[in-house]
Amino acid sequence: MQVIEIFKKLCSIAHCSGGCEEMHSYLEAYGRRCGYEVSSDSAGNILCSKEGASVTLQAHYDMVCIGEAPNLELTEEAGWLHAKESTLGADNGMGMAMMLALMEEGRVADFLFTADEEIGLIGARALQVGLQTPYLLNLDSEEEGIVTIGCAGGVDIEARLPIVREHKELYCHEVEVSGLPGGHSGVDIDRGIANAIKELAALLASHENAALVSIKGGERRNAIAKHAIAVVATQEPTAIKGLKALGRQSIEVIRDSEALIRMLDGFVHGVRDLDETLGIVETSINLAQVESRDDGLLIHLSARSMSKESLEVLEEETMAYFSAYGCAVIAEGFYTPWRPEETPFAQKVLDVTKRVFPKATFGAIHAGLECGIIKEHFPKMEMASIGPNILYPHSTREKVEIASVQAVYESVKKIVDGV
């Protein structure tokens, strides 16, 4: 299958967010080889265009790298493709592969590859290449038969807590939470996936009179934490379940450890509100990463909402919560939601999709697609998003259904030919 083979080639090229230079060069060369006019901008976005195009297809070319990534060992099982002990990068590599397959066929369309979507939609924000078509088809959705016409907005929040250390001779113990499944901080936030930081904070809160020496948890700002570890110290050795003895040591403990632990344990991670009309999460926040450093404690959070007003309220509430514990808090990368819009182009995409998936319907996603930001650049452009079945993105369980890829690709070809 051409799309799958192209995807496998893409998997051999390192393209972790923030380190996509090799992939950037590959895509530019690919576009020129296929006879497209290639342009790029300072943010790393690439546009491959052809005269007469009516639609721009769009995907981002970076991936979330967790586990063994970018060294991917692909394996196929029961019709699904995944990578051993690693994120797969089907988000959004499969969209890229479909676009490259269309370019190989010389289809009359424009193709936009955006940079560093996974670390703050950086490419879309700084988009400078000029889009000329009236329509945009995003290929970053993850459920076949759903024509996405809306997505959540988001904002990243960072809290820094100054800490004072005290030198003491105490018995040290290691507390670890590991082996959790992890997941996407948007689309998986309502699936009951345990957050390792929250689990660890609850364990620490249950041990009275334990001073905190260090703590670290979480992998990426846009992933549900799957691992967290801490070292605590006590006056006497203890055999409490969950604590691994490290022996008596001369160490630097964090003063006011109890308040720090209470802050993490008390924060409400996860779904905050539901959108009953759309049948999806309305508002959520992910306690993504925590790390004690010499200069203090660093906390990263990712908030999302389908409503700009709700997102602003959640941002304000979260900043106030951590400020009350003495943290210096900043918010960055705010992007507005893409409000659901049933445009004529979206209806066209739905009609074509129904030829392949008879039960296809409109939907929205509780994750950040670049459509909303691109629409700010090109407000008259009509947009929709489709994609194959991808499960557990942003985790080592990520996998994509091969038959779904082929079916969605057939839809994409029909859309390109019909506009």
Protein backbone atom coordinates (compact mmCIF):
# COMPACT_ATOMS: atom_id res chain seq x y z
CA MET A 1 0.00 0.00 0.00
CA GLN A 2 1.54 3.28 -1.11
CA VAL A 3 0.49 5.45 1.86
CA ILE A 4 1.73 2.92 4.42
CA GLU A 5 5.05 2.51 2.61
CA ILE A 6 5.53 6.27 2.51
CA PHE A 7 4.68 6.47 6.21
CA LYS A 8 7.30 3.81 7.00
CA LYS A 9 9.88 5.89 5.15
CA LEU A 10 8.87 8.96 7.17
CA CYS A 11 9.34 6.93 10.36
CA SER A 12 13.00 6.44 9.45
CA ILE A 13 13.57 10.22 9.48
CA ALA A 14 13.91 11.87 12.90
CA HIS A 15 11.18 14.48 13.36
CA CYS A 16 10.67 14.99 17.09
CA SER A 17 9.21 18.41 17.86
CA GLY A 18 11.96 21.00 17.86
CA GLY A 19 14.30 18.76 15.86
CA CYS A 20 12.79 18.39 12.39
CA GLU A 21 15.56 19.76 10.19
CA GLU A 22 16.08 16.50 8.31
CA MET A 23 12.35 16.08 7.71
CA HIS A 24 12.07 19.68 6.52
CA SER A 25 14.75 19.09 3.89
CA TYR A 26 13.16 15.79 2.85
CA LEU A 27 9.74 17.38 2.30
CA GLU A 28 11.12 20.27 0.29
CA ALA A 29 13.07 17.90 -1.96
CA TYR A 30 10.06 15.61 -2.32
CA GLY A 31 7.83 18.48 -3.44
CA ARG A 32 10.31 19.67 -6.06
CA ARG A 33 10.83 16.15 -7.36
CA CYS A 34 7.07 15.78 -7.83
CA GLY A 35 6.90 19.01 -9.82
CA TYR A 36 5.39 21.38 -7.24
CA GLU A 37 6.44 24.94 -6.55
CA VAL A 38 7.97 24.84 -3.08
CA SER A 39 8.17 27.76 -0.65
CA SER A 40 8.88 27.97 3.08
CA ASP A 41 8.94 30.57 5.83
CA SER A 42 11.09 31.38 8.85
CA ALA A 43 8.90 29.23 11.14
CA GLY A 44 9.66 26.12 9.08
CA ASN A 45 6.31 25.80 7.33
CA ILE A 46 6.44 24.36 3.80
CA LEU A 47 3.93 24.96 0.99
CA CYS A 48 4.00 22.79 -2.12
CA SER A 49 1.66 24.35 -4.67
CA LYS A 50 0.37 23.63 -8.17
CA GLU A 51 -1.38 26.01 -10.54
CA GLY A 52 -5.15 25.55 -10.63
CA ALA A 53 -5.48 24.15 -7.09
CA SER A 54 -8.80 24.69 -5.29
CA VAL A 55 -7.99 23.02 -1.98
CA THR A 56 -5.02 23.04 0.39
CA LEU A 57 -4.31 19.83 2.30
CA GLN A 58 -2.57 20.36 5.62
CA ALA A 59 -0.67 18.30 8.20
CA HIS A 60 2.07 19.02 10.71
CA TYR A 61 5.41 17.28 10.29
CA ASP A 62 6.61 17.00 13.89
CA MET A 63 5.75 14.18 16.30
CA VAL A 64 5.59 13.64 20.05
CA CYS A 65 8.59 11.50 20.97
CA ILE A 66 8.12 9.29 24.03
CA GLY A 67 9.91 6.04 24.78
CA GLU A 68 12.36 4.86 22.12
CA ALA A 69 11.38 7.54 19.59
CA PRO A 70 12.78 8.70 17.22
CA ASN A 71 14.29 5.23 16.82
CA LEU A 72 11.10 3.52 15.71
CA GLU A 73 10.74 -0.24 15.36
CA LEU A 74 7.45 -0.75 13.54
CA THR A 75 5.31 -3.80 14.02
CA GLU A 76 1.94 -4.89 12.68
CA GLU A 77 -0.62 -6.80 14.73
CA ALA A 78 -4.23 -7.69 13.89
CA GLY A 79 -4.45 -4.99 11.25
CA TRP A 80 -2.92 -2.25 13.40
CA LEU A 81 0.49 -0.62 13.04
CA HIS A 82 2.43 0.51 16.10
CA ALA A 83 6.00 1.03 17.31
CA LYS A 84 7.66 -1.02 20.03
CA GLU A 85 7.99 0.87 23.31
CA SER A 86 7.47 4.18 21.54
CA THR A 87 5.06 6.70 20.17
CA LEU A 88 4.37 5.88 16.52
CA GLY A 89 3.98 9.35 15.04
CA ALA A 90 0.85 8.45 13.08
CA ASP A 91 -0.23 11.76 14.60
CA ASN A 92 0.37 13.44 12.13
CA GLY A 93 2.69 11.30 10.02
CA MET A 94 -0.19 9.46 8.41
CA GLY A 95 -1.64 12.75 7.19
CA MET A 96 1.77 13.63 5.78
CA ALA A 97 1.99 10.24 4.04
CA MET A 98 -1.39 10.75 2.37
CA MET A 99 -0.30 14.17 1.13
CA LEU A 100 2.98 12.80 -0.25
CA ALA A 101 1.09 9.97 -1.98
CA LEU A 102 -1.16 12.54 -3.67
CA MET A 103 1.88 14.56 -4.70
CA GLU A 104 3.46 11.44 -6.15
CA GLU A 105 0.34 11.13 -8.32
CA GLY A 106 0.64 14.78 -9.36
CA ARG A 107 -2.77 15.79 -8.01
CA VAL A 108 -3.82 19.39 -8.57
CA ALA A 109 -3.85 20.67 -4.98
CA ASP A 110 -1.70 22.66 -2.61
CA PHE A 111 0.01 20.95 0.33
CA LEU A 112 0.88 22.75 3.56
CA PHE A 113 3.26 21.08 6.03
CA THR A 114 3.33 23.00 9.32
CA ALA A 115 6.12 22.98 11.90
CA ASP A 116 6.20 22.19 15.61
CA GLU A 117 2.47 21.76 16.17
CA GLU A 118 3.01 19.50 19.16
CA ILE A 119 4.90 22.11 21.20
CA GLY A 120 2.51 25.02 20.88
CA LEU A 121 1.29 25.15 17.25
CA ILE A 122 4.36 27.25 16.56
CA GLY A 123 4.30 26.92 12.78
CA ALA A 124 0.64 27.80 12.40
CA ARG A 125 1.03 30.84 14.66
CA ALA A 126 3.89 32.25 12.60
CA LEU A 127 2.50 31.20 9.21
CA GLN A 128 3.86 33.43 6.46
CA VAL A 129 3.47 31.35 3.31
CA GLY A 130 0.48 32.64 1.37
CA LEU A 131 -2.44 30.25 0.93
CA GLN A 132 -4.37 30.88 -2.27
CA THR A 133 -7.17 28.29 -2.24
CA PRO A 134 -10.66 28.90 -0.82
CA TYR A 135 -10.69 25.56 1.04
CA LEU A 136 -8.46 23.74 3.51
CA LEU A 137 -8.63 20.06 4.42
CA ASN A 138 -6.73 19.25 7.61
CA LEU A 139 -5.61 15.60 7.97
CA ASP A 140 -4.94 15.57 11.71
CA SER A 141 -8.18 13.98 12.95
CA GLU A 142 -8.11 10.50 14.47
CA GLU A 143 -11.47 8.81 13.88
CA GLU A 144 -12.73 7.60 10.51
CA GLY A 145 -16.19 8.69 9.47
CA ILE A 146 -16.06 11.88 11.52
CA VAL A 147 -15.77 15.16 9.63
CA THR A 148 -14.34 17.48 12.25
CA ILE A 149 -15.57 21.07 12.01
CA GLY A 150 -14.44 22.39 15.40
CA CYS A 151 -11.75 21.93 18.03
CA ALA A 152 -10.72 23.13 21.47
CA GLY A 153 -8.56 26.14 22.12
CA GLY A 154 -5.79 25.94 24.64
CA VAL A 155 -3.22 27.65 26.81
CA ASP A 156 -0.04 26.45 28.51
CA ILE A 157 0.55 27.43 32.13
CA GLU A 158 3.86 27.35 33.97
CA ALA A 159 4.24 27.68 37.73
CA ARG A 160 7.57 28.13 39.51
CA LEU A 161 7.78 27.75 43.28
CA PRO A 162 10.92 28.96 45.09
CA ILE A 163 12.09 26.36 47.58
CA VAL A 164 14.39 26.54 50.58
CA ARG A 165 16.46 23.50 51.47
CA GLU A 166 17.71 22.34 54.85
CA HIS A 167 20.64 20.02 55.49
CA LYS A 168 19.72 16.98 57.60
CA GLU A 169 20.74 13.39 58.39
CA LEU A 170 17.66 11.29 57.66
CA TYR A 171 16.47 7.95 56.35
CA CYS A 172 15.67 8.25 52.65
CA HIS A 173 13.01 6.40 50.70
CA GLU A 174 12.07 6.30 47.02
CA VAL A 175 8.41 6.51 45.96
CA GLU A 176 7.59 5.70 42.35
CA VAL A 177 4.50 5.46 40.18
CA SER A 178 5.22 3.77 36.86
CA GLY A 179 3.69 1.59 34.18
CA LEU A 180 0.61 3.79 33.65
CA PRO A 181 -0.74 3.89 30.09
CA GLY A 182 -0.41 7.62 29.42
CA GLY A 183 -2.35 9.28 26.63
CA HIS A 184 -3.22 12.46 24.78
CA SER A 185 -4.03 15.30 27.16
CA GLY A 186 -7.03 16.27 25.00
CA VAL A 187 -8.78 13.35 23.37
CA ASP A 188 -7.93 10.90 26.17
CA ILE A 189 -8.59 13.17 29.14
CA ASP A 190 -12.06 11.70 29.78
CA ARG A 191 -11.05 8.03 29.51
CA GLY A 192 -10.22 7.50 33.16
CA ILE A 193 -6.47 7.29 32.58
CA ALA A 194 -4.61 7.76 35.85
CA ASN A 195 -2.14 10.67 36.04
CA ALA A 196 1.16 9.54 37.59
CA ILE A 197 1.82 12.94 39.19
CA LYS A 198 -1.56 12.92 40.91
CA GLU A 199 -1.10 9.30 42.01
CA LEU A 200 2.32 10.12 43.43
CA ALA A 201 1.06 13.24 45.20
CA ALA A 202 -1.69 11.18 46.86
CA LEU A 203 0.89 8.64 48.07
CA LEU A 204 3.12 11.37 49.46
CA ALA A 205 0.18 13.05 51.18
CA SER A 206 -0.61 9.78 52.97
CA HIS A 207 2.84 9.69 54.62
CA GLU A 208 2.89 12.17 57.47
CA ASN A 209 6.18 13.67 58.68
CA ALA A 210 8.00 12.78 55.47
CA ALA A 211 10.18 15.55 54.08
CA LEU A 212 10.52 15.84 50.31
CA VAL A 213 14.00 15.63 48.82
CA SER A 214 13.14 15.57 45.12
CA ILE A 215 10.25 14.95 42.76
CA LYS A 216 9.94 14.51 39.01
CA GLY A 217 7.03 13.37 36.88
CA GLY A 218 5.49 13.57 33.43
CA GLU A 219 6.89 13.37 29.91
CA ARG A 220 5.32 16.06 27.72
CA ARG A 221 3.04 19.04 28.28
CA ASN A 222 0.42 17.55 25.94
CA ALA A 223 0.54 14.02 27.39
CA ILE A 224 -1.04 12.51 30.50
CA ALA A 225 1.84 11.67 32.86
CA LYS A 226 2.66 7.95 32.91
CA HIS A 227 5.64 8.04 35.32
CA ALA A 228 6.57 9.99 38.44
CA ILE A 229 9.18 9.48 41.14
CA ALA A 230 10.14 11.16 44.42
CA VAL A 231 12.62 10.78 47.24
CA VAL A 232 11.39 11.48 50.77
CA ALA A 233 13.18 11.44 54.11
CA THR A 234 12.03 10.43 57.61
CA GLN A 235 13.47 10.56 61.12
CA GLU A 236 13.25 6.79 61.51
CA PRO A 237 13.44 3.91 59.00
CA THR A 238 10.02 2.77 57.85
CA ALA A 239 8.59 -0.23 56.07
CA ILE A 240 5.50 1.55 54.80
CA LYS A 241 4.15 -0.02 51.60
CA GLY A 242 5.24 1.85 48.48
CA LEU A 243 8.47 3.19 49.96
CA LYS A 244 11.82 1.76 48.81
CA ALA A 245 14.49 2.17 51.51
CA LEU A 246 17.65 4.02 50.42
CA GLY A 247 19.32 4.12 53.84
CA ARG A 248 20.39 6.93 56.12
CA GLN A 249 21.92 9.83 54.20
CA SER A 250 23.15 13.38 54.59
CA ILE A 251 20.77 15.23 52.31
CA GLU A 252 19.07 18.56 51.54
CA VAL A 253 15.34 18.39 52.20
CA ILE A 254 12.75 20.89 51.03
CA ARG A 255 11.40 23.11 53.77
CA ASP A 256 7.59 23.27 53.88
CA SER A 257 7.35 19.96 51.99
CA GLU A 258 3.87 19.42 53.37
CA ALA A 259 2.50 22.53 51.67
CA LEU A 260 4.15 21.59 48.35
CA ILE A 261 2.67 18.11 48.45
CA ARG A 262 -0.73 19.49 49.45
CA MET A 263 -0.60 21.86 46.46
CA LEU A 264 -0.06 18.99 44.00
CA ASP A 265 -2.49 16.64 45.72
CA GLY A 266 -5.24 19.25 45.91
CA PHE A 267 -5.12 20.41 42.30
CA VAL A 268 -8.08 19.14 40.24
CA HIS A 269 -6.67 17.50 37.12
CA GLY A 270 -8.84 16.30 34.25
CA VAL A 271 -12.31 17.11 32.93
CA ARG A 272 -13.88 20.28 34.29
CA ASP A 273 -17.01 20.49 32.11
CA LEU A 274 -18.82 18.57 29.35
CA ASP A 275 -20.49 19.78 26.15
CA GLU A 276 -23.73 17.80 26.09
CA THR A 277 -24.68 19.08 22.62
CA LEU A 278 -21.46 17.95 20.94
CA GLY A 279 -21.07 14.94 23.20
CA ILE A 280 -17.46 15.79 24.05
CA VAL A 281 -15.41 17.38 26.81
CA GLU A 282 -15.98 21.13 27.02
CA THR A 283 -13.13 22.11 29.33
CA SER A 284 -10.19 20.26 30.88
CA ILE A 285 -6.72 20.72 32.30
CA ASN A 286 -3.73 18.39 32.39
CA LEU A 287 -1.21 18.45 35.24
CA ALA A 288 1.53 17.47 32.84
CA GLN A 289 4.98 17.82 34.37
CA VAL A 290 6.62 18.56 37.70
CA GLU A 291 10.30 18.73 38.57
CA SER A 292 12.26 19.93 41.59
CA ARG A 293 15.43 21.80 40.66
CA ASP A 294 18.13 23.65 42.52
CA ASP A 295 16.30 26.93 41.94
CA GLY A 296 12.81 25.68 42.75
CA LEU A 297 9.89 23.55 41.69
CA LEU A 298 8.72 23.76 38.06
CA ILE A 299 5.18 22.75 37.04
CA HIS A 300 3.72 22.59 33.53
CA LEU A 301 -0.01 22.40 32.80
CA SER A 302 -2.08 22.35 29.61
CA ALA A 303 -5.62 23.75 29.62
CA ARG A 304 -8.20 23.24 26.84
CA SER A 305 -11.74 24.35 26.15
CA MET A 306 -14.26 24.50 23.32
CA SER A 307 -15.24 27.93 24.67
CA LYS A 308 -12.90 30.93 24.67
CA GLU A 309 -14.66 32.36 27.74
CA SER A 310 -14.37 29.07 29.68
CA LEU A 311 -10.71 28.78 28.71
CA GLU A 312 -10.01 32.28 30.01
CA VAL A 313 -11.77 31.46 33.29
CA LEU A 314 -9.81 28.21 33.70
CA GLU A 315 -6.56 30.03 32.97
CA GLU A 316 -7.34 32.66 35.60
CA GLU A 317 -8.43 30.09 38.21
CA THR A 318 -5.35 27.93 37.68
CA MET A 319 -2.98 30.87 37.95
CA ALA A 320 -4.74 32.01 41.13
CA TYR A 321 -4.51 28.49 42.64
CA PHE A 322 -0.75 28.21 42.27
CA SER A 323 -0.16 31.86 43.11
CA ALA A 324 -1.86 31.25 46.46
CA TYR A 325 0.91 28.75 47.27
CA GLY A 326 3.60 31.30 46.44
CA CYS A 327 4.29 30.29 42.84
CA ALA A 328 5.27 32.71 40.10
CA VAL A 329 2.81 31.78 37.33
CA ILE A 330 2.77 32.63 33.63
CA ALA A 331 0.45 31.63 30.80
CA GLU A 332 1.65 31.36 27.21
CA GLY A 333 0.56 30.18 23.79
CA PHE A 334 -3.15 31.00 24.17
CA TYR A 335 -5.09 30.00 21.05
CA THR A 336 -8.80 30.36 20.51
CA PRO A 337 -11.12 27.43 19.77
CA TRP A 338 -12.26 26.62 16.26
CA ARG A 339 -15.99 26.96 16.72
CA PRO A 340 -18.03 24.34 14.81
CA GLU A 341 -19.11 25.68 11.43
CA GLU A 342 -21.12 23.74 8.82
CA THR A 343 -19.85 25.48 5.69
CA PRO A 344 -20.61 24.40 2.09
CA PHE A 345 -17.11 22.91 1.89
CA ALA A 346 -17.62 20.97 5.13
CA GLN A 347 -20.90 19.63 3.73
CA LYS A 348 -19.07 18.60 0.55
CA VAL A 349 -16.48 16.75 2.61
CA LEU A 350 -19.24 15.01 4.55
CA ASP A 351 -21.09 14.00 1.37
CA VAL A 352 -17.92 12.51 -0.12
CA THR A 353 -16.97 10.80 3.15
CA LYS A 354 -20.39 9.13 3.27
CA ARG A 355 -19.58 7.33 0.03
CA VAL A 356 -16.88 5.45 1.93
CA PHE A 357 -18.38 5.62 5.44
CA PRO A 358 -22.19 5.65 5.08
CA LYS A 359 -22.70 6.63 8.73
CA ALA A 360 -20.30 9.56 8.57
CA THR A 361 -21.26 12.64 10.55
CA PHE A 362 -19.98 16.02 11.67
CA GLY A 363 -18.07 16.22 14.92
CA ALA A 364 -15.66 18.25 17.02
CA ILE A 365 -12.54 17.29 18.95
CA HIS A 366 -11.26 18.22 22.40
CA ALA A 367 -7.75 18.81 21.11
CA GLY A 368 -5.92 21.54 19.28
CA LEU A 369 -6.04 21.48 15.50
CA GLU A 370 -4.29 24.17 13.51
CA CYS A 371 -7.49 25.06 11.65
CA GLY A 372 -8.53 27.71 14.17
CA ILE A 373 -5.17 29.48 14.01
CA ILE A 374 -4.92 29.24 10.22
CA LYS A 375 -8.42 30.66 9.99
CA GLU A 376 -7.24 33.72 11.91
CA HIS A 377 -4.71 34.24 9.11
CA PHE A 378 -7.26 33.48 6.36
CA PRO A 379 -10.74 34.21 7.81
CA LYS A 380 -12.64 33.54 4.56
CA MET A 381 -11.16 30.08 4.08
CA GLU A 382 -13.61 27.18 4.62
CA MET A 383 -12.19 24.21 6.52
CA ALA A 384 -12.79 20.64 7.60
CA SER A 385 -10.66 17.86 9.06
CA ILE A 386 -10.64 14.07 8.59
CA GLY A 387 -8.30 11.21 9.42
CA PRO A 388 -7.98 7.45 10.03
CA ASN A 389 -8.49 5.57 13.27
CA ILE A 390 -5.55 6.37 15.56
CA LEU A 391 -5.68 5.21 19.16
CA TYR A 392 -3.73 6.52 22.16
CA PRO A 393 -1.65 9.25 20.46
CA HIS A 394 1.07 10.86 22.59
CA SER A 395 1.71 7.53 24.34
CA THR A 396 3.70 4.36 23.76
CA ARG A 397 0.38 2.62 23.03
CA GLU A 398 -0.23 4.71 19.91
CA LYS A 399 -1.43 2.68 16.93
CA VAL A 400 -3.17 3.23 13.59
CA GLU A 401 -5.60 0.94 11.76
CA ILE A 402 -4.19 0.09 8.35
CA ALA A 403 -7.54 -0.56 6.62
CA SER A 404 -8.81 2.76 7.95
CA VAL A 405 -5.86 4.56 6.36
CA GLN A 406 -6.73 3.15 2.96
CA ALA A 407 -10.43 4.03 3.31
CA VAL A 408 -9.74 7.60 4.41
CA TYR A 409 -7.21 8.03 1.63
CA GLU A 410 -9.90 7.08 -0.90
CA SER A 411 -12.09 9.80 0.61
CA VAL A 412 -9.30 12.35 0.39
CA LYS A 413 -8.73 11.60 -3.30
CA LYS A 414 -12.44 12.04 -4.03
CA ILE A 415 -12.48 15.36 -2.14
CA VAL A 416 -9.48 16.68 -4.09
CA ASP A 417 -11.02 15.62 -7.38
CA GLY A 418 -14.45 17.05 -6.54
CA VAL A 419 -13.65 20.64 -5.48
